Amino acid sequence: MIHLWTLLSGLLLVLSVAEPLSSPEDHENEVLKHTETEFNKNQNEVIENAISNVSEATSSYTPTTSAPLSTTAPPSSSAAPQCPGSQVMQESSAGCGCPSGLVKDGDNCSCPVGFTLEGAAECKDVDECEGREPCGLHASCSNTPGSYSCSCLRGYLMAAGGCQDIDECALAAVTGLQACHGDAKCENTPGSFTCSCPVGYVMALNGKSCVDVDECTFEEQCRRELGNVCVNTPGSFVCQCRLGFRAEAPACVGPVCPDYTVCQDVDECTDSPTVCDGRGVCENTLGSYKCVCRPGYRGNGTHCEDENECASGGHRCDGNARCGNVIGSYFCQCYQGFNGDGHSCFGG
């Protein structure tokens, strides 16, 4: 800076000296003219040299302290406009905004619903199905980007309050579809249904229909060994009883009464008290009866006559007693000199 001012001062001094020499009053002096011409030439050289030195000095000057023109310098990063909240300056424009994947939440940037912030500006999907049951009971949860979906288990239907059980039995009755086939009874269960068979049937292999049981292959109540016949019917059987048996329903067990009949023996002696006429006595047998003579009589049961026990030896009199026959019986009497009831006699 000091060198620059020195050159400028010298230039002004030369100009002030040259001013009187160019006065018009001295133009007539040829010596002076020649001198003026030479001087002017030298003056021009001095001026040109001074200007050149000034230019060189100005272009080579480098300030050693901070210049006051810093406002014309390119803006630095520290002087960039400030974005509100957690927003950042967008590369494609001069405005502020949120990084890719984030959304504005007021002045700040946040992850969309269903995502959580991971790191500086990365959104990670939240697995809503992990560790909890957002779908409730009887449903399965499937995670999706930013959300989740619920699907009801088999046998349930989505409703306002969640997955509700489907009554397959009622649905079959309304739609005409058959949950259970044939004589099978439908019973609703949570998420499903079962089929049950009435008495006289068993469940088929498909689990939905019933098969009739042929009771005649194993039952013993018809007493077939006595000539009775078992006839199978749908869900039951009947006994065709021969003479001497009667088809009757067996006794009820509590509130349950069988819907089939069995062959019960007919007691002819009770049903027909006079079946054995004369002196015979009626004895019931399985499927029949017989007439026998009363004690003290003999015969085929239908025709009976008195039996002489004393003559046949069928009495039980003591050896020291006399046997006496009476109609239908006998008596015993001890001999004289013996005492007793005739069945047992001892000496007196």
Protein backbone atom coordinates (compact mmCIF):
# COMPACT_ATOMS: atom_id res chain seq x y z
CA MET A 1 0.00 0.00 0.00
CA ILE A 2 2.91 2.46 0.83
CA HIS A 3 4.54 1.72 -2.54
CA LEU A 4 1.33 2.55 -4.39
CA TRP A 5 0.97 5.95 -2.75
CA THR A 6 4.62 6.80 -3.57
CA LEU A 7 4.06 6.21 -7.28
CA LEU A 8 0.88 8.26 -7.32
CA SER A 9 2.67 11.18 -5.58
CA GLY A 10 5.49 11.15 -8.17
CA LEU A 11 2.98 11.23 -10.99
CA LEU A 12 1.24 14.29 -9.59
CA LEU A 13 4.60 16.07 -9.17
CA VAL A 14 5.56 15.57 -12.81
CA LEU A 15 2.20 16.87 -13.96
CA SER A 16 2.60 20.02 -11.86
CA VAL A 17 6.09 20.74 -13.28
CA ALA A 18 5.00 20.21 -16.85
CA GLU A 19 2.09 22.64 -16.58
CA PRO A 20 4.17 25.95 -16.88
CA LEU A 21 6.26 24.62 -19.74
CA SER A 22 3.23 24.27 -21.90
CA SER A 23 2.26 27.90 -21.52
CA PRO A 24 1.43 29.67 -24.94
CA GLU A 25 3.61 32.69 -24.14
CA ASP A 26 6.80 30.73 -24.74
CA HIS A 27 5.84 29.13 -28.08
CA GLU A 28 8.00 31.57 -30.03
CA ASN A 29 11.22 30.38 -28.44
CA GLU A 30 12.43 27.54 -30.63
CA VAL A 31 14.87 26.35 -28.03
CA LEU A 32 12.14 26.19 -25.57
CA LYS A 33 9.93 24.42 -28.09
CA HIS A 34 12.53 21.81 -28.68
CA THR A 35 13.10 21.49 -25.00
CA GLU A 36 9.36 21.27 -24.44
CA THR A 37 9.06 18.62 -27.06
CA GLU A 38 11.75 16.53 -25.49
CA PHE A 39 10.39 17.16 -22.07
CA ASN A 40 6.88 16.21 -23.16
CA LYS A 41 8.25 13.02 -24.63
CA ASN A 42 10.04 12.24 -21.43
CA GLN A 43 6.98 13.23 -19.48
CA ASN A 44 4.81 10.80 -21.40
CA GLU A 45 7.27 8.01 -20.77
CA VAL A 46 7.34 8.82 -17.08
CA ILE A 47 3.55 8.83 -16.94
CA GLU A 48 3.28 5.58 -18.84
CA ASN A 49 5.88 3.98 -16.57
CA ALA A 50 4.08 5.29 -13.51
CA ILE A 51 0.74 3.96 -14.73
CA SER A 52 2.36 0.64 -15.54
CA ASN A 53 3.92 0.43 -12.10
CA VAL A 54 0.66 1.36 -10.49
CA SER A 55 -1.12 -1.40 -12.46
CA GLU A 56 1.50 -3.97 -11.56
CA ALA A 57 1.42 -2.96 -7.94
CA THR A 58 -2.36 -3.11 -7.82
CA SER A 59 -2.64 -6.51 -9.54
CA SER A 60 0.03 -8.12 -7.37
CA TYR A 61 -1.42 -6.87 -4.06
CA THR A 62 -2.73 -9.54 -1.74
CA PRO A 63 -4.31 -8.44 1.52
CA THR A 64 -2.99 -10.14 4.64
CA THR A 65 -6.15 -9.52 6.69
CA SER A 66 -9.85 -10.50 6.15
CA ALA A 67 -11.36 -8.37 3.42
CA PRO A 68 -14.55 -6.44 4.08
CA LEU A 69 -16.02 -7.82 0.80
CA SER A 70 -16.76 -11.12 2.23
CA THR A 71 -20.44 -10.52 1.43
CA THR A 72 -19.62 -11.00 -2.28
CA ALA A 73 -18.03 -14.39 -1.67
CA PRO A 74 -19.99 -17.55 -2.62
CA PRO A 75 -22.31 -18.62 0.18
CA SER A 76 -20.88 -21.33 2.38
CA SER A 77 -22.80 -24.34 3.83
CA SER A 78 -23.00 -22.67 7.22
CA ALA A 79 -24.92 -19.84 5.67
CA ALA A 80 -27.52 -22.20 3.99
CA PRO A 81 -31.19 -21.48 4.76
CA GLN A 82 -32.47 -23.33 7.85
CA CYS A 83 -35.37 -25.83 7.31
CA PRO A 84 -38.12 -26.05 9.94
CA GLY A 85 -38.20 -29.00 12.33
CA SER A 86 -36.43 -32.08 11.05
CA GLN A 87 -36.92 -31.23 7.37
CA VAL A 88 -33.90 -31.02 5.04
CA MET A 89 -33.04 -29.05 1.90
CA GLN A 90 -34.12 -30.97 -1.20
CA GLU A 91 -31.46 -31.57 -3.87
CA SER A 92 -33.88 -31.14 -6.77
CA SER A 93 -35.23 -27.77 -5.61
CA ALA A 94 -34.51 -24.92 -3.31
CA GLY A 95 -37.31 -25.88 -0.92
CA CYS A 96 -37.34 -27.92 2.27
CA GLY A 97 -38.89 -31.34 2.57
CA CYS A 98 -38.56 -34.84 3.98
CA PRO A 99 -36.19 -37.57 2.81
CA SER A 100 -37.59 -40.31 0.60
CA GLY A 101 -39.84 -42.67 2.54
CA LEU A 102 -40.71 -40.14 5.27
CA VAL A 103 -43.80 -37.95 5.46
CA LYS A 104 -44.42 -34.49 6.90
CA ASP A 105 -45.86 -34.32 10.38
CA GLY A 106 -46.20 -30.58 10.97
CA ASP A 107 -42.67 -29.17 10.66
CA ASN A 108 -41.08 -32.55 11.33
CA CYS A 109 -40.56 -35.70 9.30
CA SER A 110 -41.82 -39.06 10.50
CA CYS A 111 -42.44 -42.56 9.17
CA PRO A 112 -45.85 -43.48 7.76
CA VAL A 113 -48.27 -45.45 9.91
CA GLY A 114 -47.10 -49.03 10.23
CA PHE A 115 -43.42 -48.12 10.06
CA THR A 116 -40.86 -47.12 12.69
CA LEU A 117 -37.78 -44.89 12.32
CA GLU A 118 -34.52 -46.80 12.19
CA GLY A 119 -31.29 -44.85 11.94
CA ALA A 120 -31.26 -41.27 10.67
CA ALA A 121 -33.80 -41.41 7.86
CA GLU A 122 -34.84 -45.04 7.25
CA CYS A 123 -38.30 -46.48 7.94
CA LYS A 124 -38.64 -50.12 8.92
CA ASP A 125 -41.92 -52.04 8.65
CA VAL A 126 -43.56 -52.89 11.99
CA ASP A 127 -44.61 -56.55 12.28
CA GLU A 128 -47.98 -56.08 13.99
CA CYS A 129 -48.50 -59.85 14.20
CA GLU A 130 -45.40 -60.49 16.30
CA GLY A 131 -45.85 -60.83 20.04
CA ARG A 132 -49.56 -59.99 20.15
CA GLU A 133 -52.89 -61.04 18.69
CA PRO A 134 -54.39 -58.06 16.86
CA CYS A 135 -56.86 -60.32 15.06
CA GLY A 136 -58.31 -61.83 18.24
CA LEU A 137 -59.31 -65.43 18.78
CA HIS A 138 -60.09 -67.86 15.97
CA ALA A 139 -58.12 -65.81 13.39
CA SER A 140 -54.65 -65.82 11.85
CA CYS A 141 -52.60 -62.65 11.37
CA SER A 142 -50.52 -61.96 8.23
CA ASN A 143 -48.07 -59.06 8.21
CA THR A 144 -48.07 -56.71 5.21
CA PRO A 145 -45.89 -53.63 4.46
CA GLY A 146 -47.17 -50.95 6.81
CA SER A 147 -50.14 -52.97 8.03
CA TYR A 148 -51.51 -56.50 8.55
CA SER A 149 -54.48 -58.60 7.54
CA CYS A 150 -56.70 -61.02 9.46
CA SER A 151 -58.26 -64.22 8.15
CA CYS A 152 -60.67 -66.38 10.11
CA LEU A 153 -59.88 -69.99 10.82
CA ARG A 154 -61.90 -72.74 9.17
CA GLY A 155 -65.39 -72.84 10.61
CA TYR A 156 -65.47 -69.12 11.48
CA LEU A 157 -66.73 -66.05 9.63
CA MET A 158 -65.52 -62.44 9.95
CA ALA A 159 -68.03 -60.19 11.67
CA ALA A 160 -68.04 -56.79 13.38
CA GLY A 161 -66.82 -58.25 16.66
CA GLY A 162 -64.23 -60.55 15.11
CA CYS A 163 -64.43 -64.12 13.89
CA GLN A 164 -67.73 -65.74 14.82
CA ASP A 165 -68.48 -69.45 14.80
CA ILE A 166 -70.46 -70.74 11.83
CA ASP A 167 -73.38 -72.97 12.78
CA GLU A 168 -72.97 -75.47 9.97
CA CYS A 169 -76.07 -77.36 11.07
CA ALA A 170 -78.33 -74.29 10.86
CA LEU A 171 -76.67 -73.23 7.62
CA ALA A 172 -77.35 -76.64 6.10
CA ALA A 173 -80.99 -76.43 7.13
CA VAL A 174 -81.39 -73.02 5.44
CA THR A 175 -79.41 -73.72 2.28
CA GLY A 176 -80.53 -77.28 1.79
CA LEU A 177 -76.98 -78.53 1.97
CA GLN A 178 -76.32 -81.66 3.96
CA ALA A 179 -73.76 -81.34 6.71
CA CYS A 180 -74.65 -84.85 7.84
CA HIS A 181 -76.18 -87.46 5.57
CA GLY A 182 -79.12 -89.77 5.96
CA ASP A 183 -80.19 -90.48 9.51
CA ALA A 184 -77.12 -88.79 11.03
CA LYS A 185 -77.83 -85.98 13.49
CA CYS A 186 -75.84 -82.75 13.11
CA GLU A 187 -74.42 -81.13 16.25
CA ASN A 188 -72.61 -77.78 16.02
CA THR A 189 -69.23 -77.40 17.75
CA PRO A 190 -66.86 -74.38 17.97
CA GLY A 191 -65.39 -74.02 14.52
CA SER A 192 -66.87 -77.26 13.21
CA PHE A 193 -69.67 -79.80 13.66
CA THR A 194 -70.11 -83.48 14.41
CA CYS A 195 -72.49 -86.12 13.15
CA SER A 196 -74.00 -88.67 15.51
CA CYS A 197 -76.08 -91.72 14.77
CA PRO A 198 -79.27 -92.86 16.53
CA VAL A 199 -79.58 -96.20 18.26
CA GLY A 200 -79.33 -99.05 15.80
CA TYR A 201 -76.83 -97.28 13.54
CA VAL A 202 -73.08 -96.81 13.48
CA MET A 203 -71.06 -94.01 11.89
CA ALA A 204 -69.74 -94.69 8.40
CA LEU A 205 -66.10 -94.23 7.47
CA ASN A 206 -66.80 -90.81 5.95
CA GLY A 207 -67.88 -89.51 9.37
CA LYS A 208 -71.08 -87.99 7.97
CA SER A 209 -73.52 -90.82 7.36
CA CYS A 210 -74.89 -93.72 9.37
CA VAL A 211 -74.99 -97.42 8.59
CA ASP A 212 -77.71 -99.69 9.94
CA VAL A 213 -76.63 -102.32 12.45
CA ASP A 214 -77.86 -105.86 11.73
CA GLU A 215 -78.73 -106.86 15.27
CA CYS A 216 -79.74 -110.32 14.10
CA THR A 217 -76.10 -111.23 13.65
CA PHE A 218 -75.39 -111.06 17.36
CA GLU A 219 -78.56 -110.56 19.42
CA GLU A 220 -79.75 -113.30 21.77
CA GLN A 221 -83.10 -111.97 22.93
CA CYS A 222 -85.16 -113.61 20.23
CA ARG A 223 -84.04 -117.01 21.54
CA ARG A 224 -83.44 -118.34 18.08
CA GLU A 225 -82.12 -121.58 19.57
CA LEU A 226 -85.71 -122.29 20.47
CA GLY A 227 -86.96 -121.75 16.96
CA ASN A 228 -87.71 -118.02 17.07
CA VAL A 229 -86.77 -115.86 14.08
CA CYS A 230 -84.95 -112.49 14.11
CA VAL A 231 -85.86 -110.00 11.40
CA ASN A 232 -83.61 -106.94 10.94
CA THR A 233 -85.28 -103.57 10.42
CA PRO A 234 -83.77 -100.07 9.78
CA GLY A 235 -82.21 -99.12 13.09
CA SER A 236 -83.73 -102.07 14.95
CA PHE A 237 -85.02 -105.64 14.67
CA VAL A 238 -88.13 -107.67 15.42
CA CYS A 239 -88.59 -111.16 16.70
CA GLN A 240 -91.03 -113.49 15.04
CA CYS A 241 -91.91 -115.77 17.90
CA ARG A 242 -93.00 -119.36 17.53
CA LEU A 243 -95.84 -120.94 19.48
CA GLY A 244 -95.21 -120.73 23.18
CA PHE A 245 -93.49 -117.30 23.00
CA ARG A 246 -94.88 -113.82 22.83
CA ALA A 247 -93.23 -110.70 21.31
CA GLU A 248 -92.96 -108.15 24.07
CA ALA A 249 -90.92 -104.99 24.63
CA PRO A 250 -88.24 -105.45 27.27
CA ALA A 251 -88.40 -103.45 30.45
CA CYS A 252 -87.35 -99.78 30.31
CA VAL A 253 -84.00 -98.80 31.78
CA GLY A 254 -84.66 -95.51 33.50
CA PRO A 255 -86.19 -93.06 31.02
CA VAL A 256 -84.98 -95.11 28.04
CA CYS A 257 -87.38 -97.68 26.66
CA PRO A 258 -86.27 -100.00 23.85
CA ASP A 259 -88.09 -99.68 20.56
CA TYR A 260 -87.80 -103.35 19.74
CA THR A 261 -89.49 -106.52 20.96
CA VAL A 262 -88.14 -109.81 22.17
CA CYS A 263 -89.69 -113.23 22.50
CA GLN A 264 -90.87 -113.85 26.02
CA ASP A 265 -91.98 -117.28 27.15
CA VAL A 266 -95.71 -117.67 27.52
CA ASP A 267 -96.74 -119.11 30.91
CA GLU A 268 -99.61 -121.29 29.78
CA CYS A 269 -100.29 -122.45 33.32
CA THR A 270 -101.06 -118.87 34.35
CA ASP A 271 -102.84 -117.89 31.16
CA SER A 272 -104.96 -121.10 31.15
CA PRO A 273 -105.36 -122.53 34.67
CA THR A 274 -107.58 -125.37 33.44
CA VAL A 275 -105.20 -126.51 30.77
CA CYS A 276 -104.56 -129.70 32.77
CA ASP A 277 -107.90 -131.30 33.56
CA GLY A 278 -108.53 -134.01 36.13
CA ARG A 279 -105.87 -134.68 38.67
CA GLY A 280 -103.02 -133.27 36.63
CA VAL A 281 -100.93 -130.26 37.62
CA CYS A 282 -99.66 -127.73 35.03
CA GLU A 283 -95.89 -127.07 34.97
CA ASN A 284 -94.61 -124.30 32.70
CA THR A 285 -91.63 -125.00 30.49
CA LEU A 286 -89.62 -122.69 28.21
CA GLY A 287 -91.85 -122.20 25.22
CA SER A 288 -94.41 -124.74 26.38
CA TYR A 289 -95.93 -126.51 29.42
CA LYS A 290 -96.65 -129.99 30.71
CA CYS A 291 -99.21 -131.65 32.90
CA VAL A 292 -97.98 -133.91 35.68
CA CYS A 293 -99.83 -135.94 38.22
CA ARG A 294 -99.96 -134.75 41.76
CA PRO A 295 -97.87 -136.52 44.38
CA GLY A 296 -99.59 -139.80 45.29
CA TYR A 297 -100.90 -140.26 41.80
CA ARG A 298 -99.44 -141.72 38.69
CA GLY A 299 -100.20 -141.34 34.99
CA ASN A 300 -99.34 -139.05 32.00
CA GLY A 301 -100.56 -135.91 33.68
CA THR A 302 -103.78 -135.76 31.79
CA HIS A 303 -105.10 -139.01 33.25
CA CYS A 304 -103.94 -139.72 36.80
CA GLU A 305 -104.82 -142.48 39.26
CA ASP A 306 -103.93 -143.15 42.83
CA GLU A 307 -100.55 -144.67 43.41
CA ASN A 308 -100.28 -147.42 46.09
CA GLU A 309 -97.06 -146.38 47.71
CA CYS A 310 -97.23 -149.32 50.10
CA ALA A 311 -97.29 -151.80 47.22
CA SER A 312 -94.78 -149.94 45.03
CA GLY A 313 -92.35 -149.36 47.89
CA GLY A 314 -92.55 -145.66 47.42
CA HIS A 315 -93.29 -145.05 51.06
CA ARG A 316 -90.93 -144.05 53.84
CA CYS A 317 -92.33 -146.06 56.75
CA ASP A 318 -90.03 -147.50 59.42
CA GLY A 319 -89.34 -151.22 59.31
CA ASN A 320 -91.22 -151.60 62.60
CA ALA A 321 -94.22 -149.82 61.16
CA ARG A 322 -97.16 -150.73 59.02
CA CYS A 323 -97.85 -148.87 55.70
CA GLY A 324 -101.41 -148.03 54.88
CA ASN A 325 -102.47 -146.66 51.46
CA VAL A 326 -104.96 -143.84 51.07
CA ILE A 327 -106.17 -141.96 47.96
CA GLY A 328 -103.30 -139.84 46.81
CA SER A 329 -101.07 -140.71 49.76
CA TYR A 330 -100.25 -143.25 52.52
CA PHE A 331 -99.64 -143.46 56.24
CA CYS A 332 -97.25 -145.27 58.57
CA GLN A 333 -98.09 -146.79 62.01
CA CYS A 334 -95.60 -148.35 64.46
CA TYR A 335 -96.23 -151.95 65.49
CA GLN A 336 -97.49 -152.71 68.95
CA GLY A 337 -94.68 -152.47 71.44
CA PHE A 338 -93.02 -149.68 69.49
CA ASN A 339 -93.37 -146.02 69.81
CA GLY A 340 -92.89 -143.32 67.15
CA ASP A 341 -94.54 -141.56 64.19
CA GLY A 342 -94.31 -144.54 61.94
CA HIS A 343 -91.45 -143.12 59.96
CA SER A 344 -89.25 -143.72 62.96
CA CYS A 345 -90.13 -146.36 65.58
CA PHE A 346 -88.25 -147.45 68.73
CA GLY A 347 -88.98 -150.10 71.36
CA GLY A 348 -90.94 -149.12 74.41
